[in-house]
Amino acid sequence: MAPTSIERASSSSSTSIPPWKYDVFLSFRGEDTRENFTDHLYTTLIERGIHTFRDDEEIERGSEITPKLLKAIEESRFCVVVFSKGYAYSRWCLDELVKIIECVKENGQTIIPIFYHVDPSDVRKQTGCFTEAFVNHEKQYEEETKRWKAALREVSNISGWHLEHG
């Protein structure tokens, strides 16, 4: 299945596409996939010469994480989003996802979703473990929750990979 990028938002001003510092930005829930699937994916990409941003490899200890992560998203040609059972529990992951969508629309990056041990329809409809995550978020983060849900729906409609085993 070929990845599809979300169409750029139309704009009356002409903006140039930024030069890409990274080939790939990996968005993932660390405690779900860092030491298994995402680590293998990252290693494979690096071995093939694909310059890949993964937060624990590119951010120096003691530096501010948020601005560097946002900049890395802006400077990445492809954004691989690894949806896992705990992805939606992380406000950090959901904020990354919203930023990824913004950058795709403004700069033309491509999103490649990977559904790791989750059903794409659970991501799209926020059912299953995604329902549980949002029960907690909706109590504290009403406005953010609307953006997060919209971003999940948008990305889950892109053709990606569904990995049930491994």
N, C-alpha and C. Protein backbone atom coordinates (compact mmCIF):
# COMPACT_ATOMS: atom_id res chain seq x y z
N MET A 1 0.83 -1.17 0.00
CA MET A 1 0.00 0.00 0.00
C MET A 1 0.88 1.24 0.00
N ALA A 2 0.58 2.15 -0.87
CA ALA A 2 1.37 3.38 -0.96
C ALA A 2 0.84 4.42 0.01
N PRO A 3 1.76 5.11 0.68
CA PRO A 3 1.31 6.18 1.58
C PRO A 3 0.74 7.34 0.79
N THR A 4 -0.19 8.03 1.37
CA THR A 4 -0.81 9.17 0.73
C THR A 4 -0.62 10.38 1.61
N SER A 5 -0.25 11.49 1.02
CA SER A 5 -0.12 12.70 1.83
C SER A 5 -1.44 13.44 1.83
N ILE A 6 -1.70 14.11 2.92
CA ILE A 6 -2.90 14.93 3.03
C ILE A 6 -2.66 16.15 2.16
N GLU A 7 -3.68 16.55 1.43
CA GLU A 7 -3.52 17.68 0.53
C GLU A 7 -3.12 18.93 1.29
N ARG A 8 -2.29 19.73 0.64
CA ARG A 8 -1.89 20.99 1.24
C ARG A 8 -3.09 21.92 1.31
N ALA A 9 -3.13 22.68 2.36
CA ALA A 9 -4.17 23.71 2.46
C ALA A 9 -3.87 24.78 1.43
N SER A 10 -4.88 25.24 0.74
CA SER A 10 -4.63 26.27 -0.26
C SER A 10 -4.29 27.58 0.44
N SER A 11 -3.40 28.30 -0.16
CA SER A 11 -2.94 29.54 0.44
C SER A 11 -2.71 30.56 -0.66
N SER A 12 -3.08 31.80 -0.38
CA SER A 12 -2.89 32.83 -1.39
C SER A 12 -1.44 33.26 -1.46
N SER A 13 -0.69 33.09 -0.37
CA SER A 13 0.71 33.48 -0.42
C SER A 13 1.54 32.31 -0.91
N SER A 14 2.59 32.62 -1.63
CA SER A 14 3.43 31.55 -2.12
C SER A 14 4.48 31.24 -1.05
N THR A 15 4.50 29.99 -0.66
CA THR A 15 5.49 29.55 0.32
C THR A 15 6.34 28.48 -0.32
N SER A 16 7.61 28.53 -0.02
CA SER A 16 8.48 27.51 -0.59
C SER A 16 8.58 26.34 0.36
N ILE A 17 8.78 25.18 -0.20
CA ILE A 17 8.93 23.98 0.60
C ILE A 17 10.31 24.02 1.24
N PRO A 18 10.36 23.81 2.54
CA PRO A 18 11.65 23.93 3.22
C PRO A 18 12.59 22.79 2.84
N PRO A 19 13.89 23.05 2.94
CA PRO A 19 14.83 21.95 2.72
C PRO A 19 14.68 20.97 3.88
N TRP A 20 14.78 19.70 3.60
CA TRP A 20 14.55 18.69 4.62
C TRP A 20 15.85 18.36 5.32
N LYS A 21 15.87 18.49 6.63
CA LYS A 21 17.02 18.10 7.43
C LYS A 21 16.99 16.59 7.68
N TYR A 22 15.79 16.06 7.86
CA TYR A 22 15.61 14.63 8.11
C TYR A 22 14.78 14.02 7.00
N ASP A 23 15.08 12.76 6.71
CA ASP A 23 14.23 12.02 5.77
C ASP A 23 12.94 11.59 6.47
N VAL A 24 13.07 11.14 7.72
CA VAL A 24 11.93 10.58 8.45
C VAL A 24 11.89 11.09 9.89
N PHE A 25 10.69 11.42 10.35
CA PHE A 25 10.43 11.70 11.76
C PHE A 25 9.58 10.54 12.28
N LEU A 26 10.02 9.91 13.37
CA LEU A 26 9.25 8.83 13.97
C LEU A 26 8.43 9.36 15.14
N SER A 27 7.10 9.16 15.07
CA SER A 27 6.21 9.50 16.17
C SER A 27 5.70 8.19 16.75
N PHE A 28 5.94 7.98 18.04
CA PHE A 28 5.57 6.72 18.67
C PHE A 28 5.46 6.90 20.17
N ARG A 29 4.77 5.98 20.82
CA ARG A 29 4.68 5.98 22.29
C ARG A 29 5.83 5.13 22.80
N GLY A 30 6.79 5.76 23.43
CA GLY A 30 8.01 5.09 23.84
C GLY A 30 7.80 3.84 24.65
N GLU A 31 6.95 3.90 25.65
CA GLU A 31 6.79 2.73 26.51
C GLU A 31 6.11 1.57 25.81
N ASP A 32 5.44 1.82 24.68
CA ASP A 32 4.81 0.73 23.92
C ASP A 32 5.77 0.08 22.93
N THR A 33 6.56 0.90 22.23
CA THR A 33 7.29 0.35 21.08
C THR A 33 8.77 0.70 21.02
N ARG A 34 9.28 1.53 21.93
CA ARG A 34 10.68 1.97 21.82
C ARG A 34 11.66 0.81 21.80
N GLU A 35 11.47 -0.17 22.63
CA GLU A 35 12.45 -1.26 22.74
C GLU A 35 12.10 -2.48 21.90
N ASN A 36 11.16 -2.34 21.00
CA ASN A 36 10.86 -3.46 20.11
C ASN A 36 10.66 -2.92 18.69
N PHE A 37 9.43 -2.77 18.25
CA PHE A 37 9.17 -2.42 16.86
C PHE A 37 9.87 -1.14 16.40
N THR A 38 9.69 -0.06 17.15
CA THR A 38 10.27 1.22 16.71
C THR A 38 11.79 1.16 16.69
N ASP A 39 12.39 0.46 17.65
CA ASP A 39 13.84 0.32 17.65
C ASP A 39 14.31 -0.42 16.40
N HIS A 40 13.63 -1.49 16.04
CA HIS A 40 13.99 -2.24 14.82
C HIS A 40 13.79 -1.39 13.57
N LEU A 41 12.69 -0.66 13.51
CA LEU A 41 12.42 0.21 12.37
C LEU A 41 13.51 1.28 12.26
N TYR A 42 13.81 1.94 13.36
CA TYR A 42 14.84 2.99 13.38
C TYR A 42 16.19 2.43 12.92
N THR A 43 16.58 1.30 13.47
CA THR A 43 17.86 0.70 13.10
C THR A 43 17.92 0.38 11.61
N THR A 44 16.85 -0.17 11.09
CA THR A 44 16.80 -0.51 9.66
C THR A 44 16.89 0.74 8.79
N LEU A 45 16.17 1.79 9.15
CA LEU A 45 16.23 3.03 8.39
C LEU A 45 17.64 3.61 8.39
N ILE A 46 18.28 3.66 9.56
CA ILE A 46 19.64 4.20 9.67
C ILE A 46 20.62 3.36 8.86
N GLU A 47 20.51 2.04 8.95
CA GLU A 47 21.40 1.15 8.19
C GLU A 47 21.26 1.34 6.69
N ARG A 48 20.10 1.77 6.25
CA ARG A 48 19.86 2.00 4.82
C ARG A 48 20.20 3.42 4.40
N GLY A 49 20.77 4.19 5.31
CA GLY A 49 21.19 5.55 4.99
C GLY A 49 20.08 6.58 5.03
N ILE A 50 18.99 6.25 5.68
CA ILE A 50 17.85 7.17 5.78
C ILE A 50 17.99 7.95 7.08
N HIS A 51 18.20 9.26 6.96
CA HIS A 51 18.42 10.12 8.14
C HIS A 51 17.10 10.25 8.89
N THR A 52 17.06 9.68 10.09
CA THR A 52 15.82 9.53 10.83
C THR A 52 15.91 10.21 12.18
N PHE A 53 14.86 10.97 12.53
CA PHE A 53 14.76 11.60 13.84
C PHE A 53 13.94 10.73 14.76
N ARG A 54 14.54 10.37 15.88
CA ARG A 54 13.84 9.66 16.96
C ARG A 54 14.21 10.40 18.22
N ASP A 55 13.24 10.80 19.01
CA ASP A 55 13.49 11.72 20.11
C ASP A 55 14.64 11.34 21.02
N ASP A 56 14.82 10.10 21.35
CA ASP A 56 15.89 9.75 22.28
C ASP A 56 17.26 9.77 21.64
N GLU A 57 17.32 9.84 20.33
CA GLU A 57 18.61 9.88 19.64
C GLU A 57 19.04 11.29 19.28
N GLU A 58 18.11 12.17 19.03
CA GLU A 58 18.43 13.49 18.49
C GLU A 58 18.39 14.63 19.50
N ILE A 59 17.72 14.46 20.62
CA ILE A 59 17.61 15.55 21.59
C ILE A 59 18.66 15.34 22.68
N GLU A 60 19.48 16.34 22.88
CA GLU A 60 20.51 16.26 23.91
C GLU A 60 19.87 16.35 25.28
N ARG A 61 20.43 15.61 26.22
CA ARG A 61 19.92 15.65 27.60
C ARG A 61 20.02 17.07 28.14
N GLY A 62 18.98 17.50 28.83
CA GLY A 62 18.96 18.82 29.43
C GLY A 62 18.43 19.90 28.52
N SER A 63 18.23 19.60 27.23
CA SER A 63 17.71 20.63 26.33
C SER A 63 16.18 20.60 26.36
N GLU A 64 15.57 21.69 25.89
CA GLU A 64 14.12 21.74 25.84
C GLU A 64 13.63 20.78 24.76
N ILE A 65 12.70 19.94 25.14
CA ILE A 65 12.23 18.92 24.20
C ILE A 65 11.23 19.49 23.20
N THR A 66 10.23 20.20 23.65
CA THR A 66 9.16 20.64 22.77
C THR A 66 9.63 21.42 21.55
N PRO A 67 10.38 22.49 21.69
CA PRO A 67 10.79 23.23 20.50
C PRO A 67 11.63 22.40 19.52
N LYS A 68 12.49 21.55 20.04
CA LYS A 68 13.32 20.71 19.15
C LYS A 68 12.48 19.67 18.43
N LEU A 69 11.51 19.10 19.12
CA LEU A 69 10.64 18.12 18.46
C LEU A 69 9.81 18.79 17.37
N LEU A 70 9.25 19.94 17.68
CA LEU A 70 8.44 20.65 16.69
C LEU A 70 9.28 21.01 15.47
N LYS A 71 10.50 21.45 15.70
CA LYS A 71 11.40 21.80 14.59
C LYS A 71 11.75 20.55 13.78
N ALA A 72 11.98 19.44 14.45
CA ALA A 72 12.30 18.20 13.74
C ALA A 72 11.13 17.75 12.86
N ILE A 73 9.91 17.93 13.35
CA ILE A 73 8.74 17.59 12.52
C ILE A 73 8.73 18.46 11.27
N GLU A 74 8.93 19.77 11.46
CA GLU A 74 8.92 20.71 10.33
C GLU A 74 10.01 20.38 9.31
N GLU A 75 11.12 19.83 9.76
CA GLU A 75 12.27 19.59 8.89
C GLU A 75 12.36 18.17 8.37
N SER A 76 11.29 17.38 8.51
CA SER A 76 11.29 15.99 8.07
C SER A 76 10.40 15.80 6.85
N ARG A 77 10.91 15.10 5.86
CA ARG A 77 10.17 14.87 4.62
C ARG A 77 9.00 13.89 4.83
N PHE A 78 9.25 12.84 5.61
CA PHE A 78 8.22 11.85 5.90
C PHE A 78 8.01 11.77 7.41
N CYS A 79 6.77 11.55 7.82
CA CYS A 79 6.45 11.35 9.23
C CYS A 79 5.82 9.98 9.37
N VAL A 80 6.52 9.09 10.03
CA VAL A 80 6.00 7.75 10.29
C VAL A 80 5.37 7.77 11.67
N VAL A 81 4.07 7.51 11.72
CA VAL A 81 3.33 7.53 12.98
C VAL A 81 3.01 6.08 13.35
N VAL A 82 3.57 5.63 14.47
CA VAL A 82 3.35 4.26 14.94
C VAL A 82 2.25 4.31 15.99
N PHE A 83 1.03 3.98 15.57
CA PHE A 83 -0.09 3.93 16.50
C PHE A 83 -0.01 2.62 17.28
N SER A 84 -0.06 2.72 18.59
CA SER A 84 -0.02 1.55 19.47
C SER A 84 -1.12 1.71 20.51
N LYS A 85 -1.27 0.71 21.34
CA LYS A 85 -2.36 0.74 22.33
C LYS A 85 -2.27 1.92 23.28
N GLY A 86 -1.08 2.39 23.58
CA GLY A 86 -0.93 3.50 24.50
C GLY A 86 -0.75 4.85 23.84
N TYR A 87 -0.75 4.91 22.51
CA TYR A 87 -0.47 6.16 21.80
C TYR A 87 -1.38 7.30 22.25
N ALA A 88 -2.66 7.05 22.29
CA ALA A 88 -3.62 8.13 22.61
C ALA A 88 -3.62 8.51 24.09
N TYR A 89 -2.97 7.74 24.94
CA TYR A 89 -2.85 8.12 26.35
C TYR A 89 -1.82 9.24 26.52
N SER A 90 -0.96 9.40 25.54
CA SER A 90 0.12 10.38 25.63
C SER A 90 -0.29 11.71 25.01
N ARG A 91 -0.41 12.74 25.82
CA ARG A 91 -0.68 14.08 25.29
C ARG A 91 0.44 14.50 24.38
N TRP A 92 1.66 14.09 24.71
CA TRP A 92 2.83 14.42 23.90
C TRP A 92 2.66 13.87 22.48
N CYS A 93 2.30 12.59 22.36
CA CYS A 93 2.10 11.97 21.04
C CYS A 93 0.99 12.67 20.27
N LEU A 94 -0.10 12.98 20.96
CA LEU A 94 -1.23 13.61 20.29
C LEU A 94 -0.88 15.02 19.82
N ASP A 95 -0.11 15.76 20.62
CA ASP A 95 0.35 17.09 20.19
C ASP A 95 1.28 16.98 18.98
N GLU A 96 2.15 15.97 18.98
CA GLU A 96 3.01 15.73 17.81
C GLU A 96 2.15 15.49 16.58
N LEU A 97 1.12 14.67 16.73
CA LEU A 97 0.26 14.32 15.60
C LEU A 97 -0.42 15.56 15.02
N VAL A 98 -0.91 16.44 15.88
CA VAL A 98 -1.53 17.69 15.41
C VAL A 98 -0.51 18.52 14.63
N LYS A 99 0.71 18.61 15.15
CA LYS A 99 1.77 19.36 14.47
C LYS A 99 2.12 18.71 13.13
N ILE A 100 2.16 17.41 13.09
CA ILE A 100 2.44 16.69 11.84
C ILE A 100 1.39 17.03 10.79
N ILE A 101 0.13 17.01 11.17
CA ILE A 101 -0.96 17.35 10.23
C ILE A 101 -0.77 18.78 9.72
N GLU A 102 -0.47 19.71 10.62
CA GLU A 102 -0.25 21.10 10.20
C GLU A 102 0.88 21.19 9.19
N CYS A 103 1.97 20.51 9.45
CA CYS A 103 3.12 20.57 8.56
C CYS A 103 2.84 19.92 7.20
N VAL A 104 2.08 18.85 7.22
CA VAL A 104 1.71 18.19 5.97
C VAL A 104 0.92 19.15 5.10
N LYS A 105 -0.02 19.85 5.71
CA LYS A 105 -0.86 20.79 4.95
C LYS A 105 -0.07 22.00 4.47
N GLU A 106 0.87 22.47 5.28
CA GLU A 106 1.63 23.67 4.93
C GLU A 106 2.85 23.38 4.05
N ASN A 107 3.51 22.25 4.28
CA ASN A 107 4.80 22.00 3.64
C ASN A 107 4.83 20.78 2.72
N GLY A 108 3.78 19.99 2.73
CA GLY A 108 3.72 18.86 1.81
C GLY A 108 4.42 17.59 2.26
N GLN A 109 4.70 17.46 3.55
CA GLN A 109 5.28 16.21 4.01
C GLN A 109 4.30 15.06 3.78
N THR A 110 4.79 13.86 3.88
CA THR A 110 3.97 12.67 3.72
C THR A 110 3.89 11.93 5.04
N ILE A 111 2.70 11.51 5.40
CA ILE A 111 2.49 10.72 6.61
C ILE A 111 2.37 9.25 6.22
N ILE A 112 3.06 8.41 6.97
CA ILE A 112 2.97 6.97 6.78
C ILE A 112 2.50 6.38 8.12
N PRO A 113 1.22 6.01 8.21
CA PRO A 113 0.74 5.44 9.47
C PRO A 113 1.04 3.94 9.56
N ILE A 114 1.42 3.52 10.75
CA ILE A 114 1.61 2.11 11.06
C ILE A 114 0.71 1.81 12.26
N PHE A 115 -0.14 0.83 12.11
CA PHE A 115 -1.07 0.45 13.16
C PHE A 115 -0.51 -0.80 13.83
N TYR A 116 0.20 -0.58 14.93
CA TYR A 116 0.93 -1.64 15.61
C TYR A 116 0.07 -2.22 16.73
N HIS A 117 -0.47 -3.40 16.46
CA HIS A 117 -1.34 -4.11 17.41
C HIS A 117 -2.60 -3.33 17.75
N VAL A 118 -3.01 -2.42 16.87
CA VAL A 118 -4.30 -1.74 17.02
C VAL A 118 -5.00 -1.77 15.67
N ASP A 119 -6.31 -1.79 15.72
CA ASP A 119 -7.10 -1.79 14.50
C ASP A 119 -7.23 -0.36 14.00
N PRO A 120 -7.00 -0.12 12.70
CA PRO A 120 -7.14 1.23 12.16
C PRO A 120 -8.51 1.85 12.46
N SER A 121 -9.55 1.04 12.47
CA SER A 121 -10.88 1.60 12.76
C SER A 121 -11.00 2.07 14.21
N ASP A 122 -10.24 1.47 15.14
CA ASP A 122 -10.24 1.96 16.52
C ASP A 122 -9.60 3.34 16.59
N VAL A 123 -8.58 3.56 15.79
CA VAL A 123 -7.94 4.88 15.74
C VAL A 123 -8.91 5.89 15.13
N ARG A 124 -9.51 5.52 14.01
CA ARG A 124 -10.42 6.42 13.29
C ARG A 124 -11.63 6.81 14.13
N LYS A 125 -12.23 5.82 14.79
CA LYS A 125 -13.47 6.06 15.54
C LYS A 125 -13.24 6.29 17.03
N GLN A 126 -11.97 6.24 17.45
CA GLN A 126 -11.61 6.34 18.86
C GLN A 126 -12.40 5.34 19.70
N THR A 127 -12.33 4.09 19.29
CA THR A 127 -12.96 3.00 20.03
C THR A 127 -11.85 2.15 20.65
N GLY A 128 -12.25 1.12 21.40
CA GLY A 128 -11.26 0.25 22.04
C GLY A 128 -10.40 1.04 23.02
N CYS A 129 -9.10 0.81 22.99
CA CYS A 129 -8.19 1.49 23.93
C CYS A 129 -8.17 3.00 23.70
N PHE A 130 -8.56 3.45 22.52
CA PHE A 130 -8.59 4.88 22.25
C PHE A 130 -9.75 5.56 22.98
N THR A 131 -10.85 4.84 23.20
CA THR A 131 -11.96 5.37 24.00
C THR A 131 -11.50 5.62 25.43
N GLU A 132 -10.83 4.64 25.99
CA GLU A 132 -10.36 4.75 27.38
C GLU A 132 -9.43 5.95 27.54
N ALA A 133 -8.54 6.15 26.60
CA ALA A 133 -7.59 7.26 26.68
C ALA A 133 -8.32 8.60 26.68
N PHE A 134 -9.32 8.72 25.85
CA PHE A 134 -10.01 10.00 25.74
C PHE A 134 -10.96 10.29 26.90
N VAL A 135 -11.39 9.27 27.60
CA VAL A 135 -12.20 9.51 28.79
C VAL A 135 -11.39 10.35 29.78
N ASN A 136 -10.12 10.03 29.93
CA ASN A 136 -9.25 10.79 30.83
C ASN A 136 -8.97 12.20 30.28
N HIS A 137 -8.68 12.30 28.99
CA HIS A 137 -8.32 13.59 28.39
C HIS A 137 -9.48 14.58 28.39
N GLU A 138 -10.69 14.11 28.10
CA GLU A 138 -11.82 15.02 27.94
C GLU A 138 -12.14 15.78 29.23
N LYS A 139 -11.82 15.21 30.36
CA LYS A 139 -12.08 15.87 31.63
C LYS A 139 -11.19 17.10 31.82
N GLN A 140 -9.95 17.03 31.34
CA GLN A 140 -8.99 18.10 31.59
C GLN A 140 -8.68 18.96 30.37
N TYR A 141 -8.82 18.41 29.19
CA TYR A 141 -8.32 19.09 27.99
C TYR A 141 -9.38 19.12 26.89
N GLU A 142 -10.46 19.84 27.15
CA GLU A 142 -11.60 19.83 26.24
C GLU A 142 -11.25 20.31 24.83
N GLU A 143 -10.61 21.48 24.71
CA GLU A 143 -10.26 22.01 23.38
C GLU A 143 -9.24 21.15 22.67
N GLU A 144 -8.21 20.74 23.40
CA GLU A 144 -7.17 19.91 22.80
C GLU A 144 -7.75 18.59 22.32
N THR A 145 -8.68 18.04 23.09
CA THR A 145 -9.28 16.76 22.74
C THR A 145 -9.95 16.81 21.37
N LYS A 146 -10.60 17.89 21.04
CA LYS A 146 -11.24 18.03 19.72
C LYS A 146 -10.19 17.96 18.61
N ARG A 147 -9.09 18.68 18.80
CA ARG A 147 -8.01 18.68 17.79
C ARG A 147 -7.37 17.29 17.68
N TRP A 148 -7.15 16.66 18.83
CA TRP A 148 -6.52 15.34 18.82
C TRP A 148 -7.39 14.31 18.10
N LYS A 149 -8.69 14.33 18.38
CA LYS A 149 -9.60 13.38 17.73
C LYS A 149 -9.65 13.62 16.22
N ALA A 150 -9.69 14.87 15.81
CA ALA A 150 -9.71 15.19 14.38
C ALA A 150 -8.42 14.71 13.71
N ALA A 151 -7.29 14.90 14.37
CA ALA A 151 -6.01 14.46 13.80
C ALA A 151 -5.97 12.93 13.67
N LEU A 152 -6.46 12.22 14.68
CA LEU A 152 -6.50 10.76 14.61
C LEU A 152 -7.37 10.29 13.45
N ARG A 153 -8.54 10.92 13.28
CA ARG A 153 -9.43 10.54 12.17
C ARG A 153 -8.74 10.78 10.83
N GLU A 154 -8.10 11.93 10.70
CA GLU A 154 -7.47 12.29 9.44
C GLU A 154 -6.35 11.32 9.07
N VAL A 155 -5.48 11.03 10.01
CA VAL A 155 -4.35 10.15 9.71
C VAL A 155 -4.80 8.71 9.52
N SER A 156 -5.78 8.28 10.27
CA SER A 156 -6.22 6.88 10.16
C SER A 156 -6.94 6.61 8.84
N ASN A 157 -7.30 7.63 8.11
CA ASN A 157 -7.89 7.45 6.79
C ASN A 157 -6.85 7.33 5.69
N ILE A 158 -5.58 7.47 6.03
CA ILE A 158 -4.50 7.32 5.06
C ILE A 158 -4.10 5.85 5.00
N SER A 159 -3.88 5.37 3.81
CA SER A 159 -3.45 3.99 3.64
C SER A 159 -2.10 3.79 4.30
N GLY A 160 -2.03 2.80 5.18
CA GLY A 160 -0.78 2.53 5.89
C GLY A 160 -0.60 1.04 6.08
N TRP A 161 0.10 0.67 7.13
CA TRP A 161 0.37 -0.73 7.41
C TRP A 161 -0.26 -1.11 8.73
N HIS A 162 -0.91 -2.28 8.73
CA HIS A 162 -1.55 -2.81 9.92
C HIS A 162 -0.77 -4.04 10.34
N LEU A 163 -0.05 -3.93 11.46
CA LEU A 163 0.77 -5.03 11.96
C LEU A 163 0.11 -5.62 13.20
N GLU A 164 -0.41 -6.82 13.04
CA GLU A 164 -1.09 -7.45 14.16
C GLU A 164 -0.16 -8.33 14.98
N HIS A 165 0.91 -8.81 14.37
CA HIS A 165 1.85 -9.72 15.03
C HIS A 165 3.25 -9.17 14.88
N GLY A 166 4.09 -9.46 15.85
CA GLY A 166 5.49 -9.06 15.71
C GLY A 166 5.89 -7.94 16.60
